Amino acid sequence: MEQQKSNTFYSKGSKKFKQKIYSKKTKKLNMGRVSDFKWDLNQVLNKLPEEKAGLIRGPLYAKASKIGVEEAKKFLKDKEDEGVIDKDIAMEILRVLTKYSKFR
């Protein structure tokens, strides 16, 4: 018989049990290396005019750190389709995203 993994645990001072909820890990921005990520992202975005770079930098960082890298990639693809950035810059940003991401 296989033993199933339980979601319950007992707290130390109490006889009541609490249910621990496990969230599915997703690929997000590595917050330990966030300053390196911002520096590399700025190096790529320096090739764009400042007003276009501002439209990419903030939302991309927010989506990659809070929601996930996949959502940031979708955002980047949408901006490429709109014509805000070209394909070469989008590929460079994707390389930076994958370099500084981890499962958490």
Protein backbone atom coordinates (compact mmCIF):
# COMPACT_ATOMS: atom_id res chain seq x y z
CA MET A 1 0.00 0.00 0.00
CA GLU A 2 1.17 3.46 -0.84
CA GLN A 3 1.10 6.08 1.84
CA GLN A 4 -0.47 9.35 0.74
CA LYS A 5 1.16 12.67 1.54
CA SER A 6 -0.88 14.49 4.14
CA ASN A 7 -1.61 18.21 4.13
CA THR A 8 -2.18 18.29 7.89
CA PHE A 9 0.29 19.05 10.63
CA TYR A 10 0.05 19.49 14.37
CA SER A 11 1.08 22.71 16.04
CA LYS A 12 3.43 22.36 18.98
CA GLY A 13 1.33 23.73 21.83
CA SER A 14 -2.11 22.76 20.65
CA LYS A 15 -4.00 19.56 20.05
CA LYS A 16 -5.77 21.04 17.05
CA PHE A 17 -4.44 20.40 13.61
CA LYS A 18 -4.16 22.90 10.84
CA GLN A 19 -4.24 22.22 7.17
CA LYS A 20 -1.19 23.40 5.28
CA ILE A 21 -1.85 24.47 1.73
CA TYR A 22 0.92 23.87 -0.78
CA SER A 23 1.02 26.23 -3.73
CA LYS A 24 2.29 25.07 -7.08
CA LYS A 25 5.74 26.47 -7.78
CA THR A 26 6.05 28.66 -10.83
CA LYS A 27 9.04 30.17 -12.55
CA LYS A 28 9.51 33.72 -11.26
CA LEU A 29 12.24 36.30 -11.03
CA ASN A 30 15.08 35.45 -8.65
CA MET A 31 14.75 38.22 -6.05
CA GLY A 32 18.27 37.62 -4.74
CA ARG A 33 19.70 38.80 -8.04
CA VAL A 34 17.18 41.53 -8.80
CA SER A 35 19.74 44.34 -9.03
CA ASP A 36 21.73 42.34 -11.61
CA PHE A 37 18.51 41.70 -13.54
CA LYS A 38 17.65 45.41 -13.59
CA TRP A 39 21.17 46.31 -14.75
CA ASP A 40 21.13 43.76 -17.59
CA LEU A 41 17.61 44.80 -18.59
CA ASN A 42 18.69 48.45 -18.72
CA GLN A 43 21.66 47.51 -20.93
CA VAL A 44 19.24 45.96 -23.43
CA LEU A 45 16.65 48.74 -23.17
CA ASN A 46 19.26 51.48 -23.72
CA LYS A 47 18.96 50.67 -27.43
CA LEU A 48 15.37 51.97 -27.35
CA PRO A 49 14.12 55.55 -26.91
CA GLU A 50 13.45 56.38 -23.24
CA GLU A 51 9.65 56.62 -23.61
CA LYS A 52 9.46 53.14 -25.18
CA ALA A 53 11.86 51.67 -22.62
CA GLY A 54 9.67 52.96 -19.81
CA LEU A 55 6.66 51.16 -21.30
CA ILE A 56 8.58 47.87 -21.12
CA ARG A 57 10.72 48.11 -17.98
CA GLY A 58 8.12 48.56 -15.21
CA PRO A 59 5.39 46.14 -16.29
CA LEU A 60 7.94 43.49 -17.28
CA TYR A 61 9.61 43.61 -13.86
CA ALA A 62 6.25 43.50 -12.05
CA LYS A 63 4.93 40.55 -14.04
CA ALA A 64 8.18 38.56 -13.81
CA SER A 65 8.55 39.03 -10.06
CA LYS A 66 4.93 38.63 -8.92
CA ILE A 67 2.97 36.61 -11.48
CA GLY A 68 5.59 34.59 -13.33
CA VAL A 69 8.03 34.55 -16.19
CA GLU A 70 5.49 33.02 -18.59
CA GLU A 71 3.18 36.01 -18.12
CA ALA A 72 6.13 38.35 -18.70
CA LYS A 73 6.94 36.51 -21.93
CA LYS A 74 3.33 36.91 -23.11
CA PHE A 75 3.53 40.64 -22.31
CA LEU A 76 6.77 40.89 -24.28
CA LYS A 77 5.22 39.07 -27.25
CA ASP A 78 2.23 41.45 -27.18
CA LYS A 79 4.55 44.47 -27.24
CA GLU A 80 6.44 42.95 -30.14
CA ASP A 81 3.18 42.41 -32.05
CA GLU A 82 2.16 46.03 -31.35
CA GLY A 83 5.44 47.24 -32.84
CA VAL A 84 6.83 48.83 -29.68
CA ILE A 85 9.97 46.66 -29.82
CA ASP A 86 11.56 44.65 -32.59
CA LYS A 87 12.33 40.93 -32.59
CA ASP A 88 16.06 41.25 -31.80
CA ILE A 89 15.48 43.29 -28.64
CA ALA A 90 12.66 40.95 -27.59
CA MET A 91 15.01 37.96 -27.90
CA GLU A 92 17.67 39.70 -25.80
CA ILE A 93 15.10 40.50 -23.09
CA LEU A 94 13.95 36.86 -23.14
CA ARG A 95 17.54 35.73 -22.57
CA VAL A 96 17.82 38.07 -19.58
CA LEU A 97 14.49 36.79 -18.19
CA THR A 98 15.51 33.14 -18.40
CA LYS A 99 18.94 33.89 -16.93
CA TYR A 100 17.49 35.48 -13.78
CA SER A 101 14.49 33.22 -13.14
CA LYS A 102 13.94 30.33 -10.75
CA PHE A 103 11.10 28.21 -9.41
CA ARG A 104 9.54 29.64 -6.26
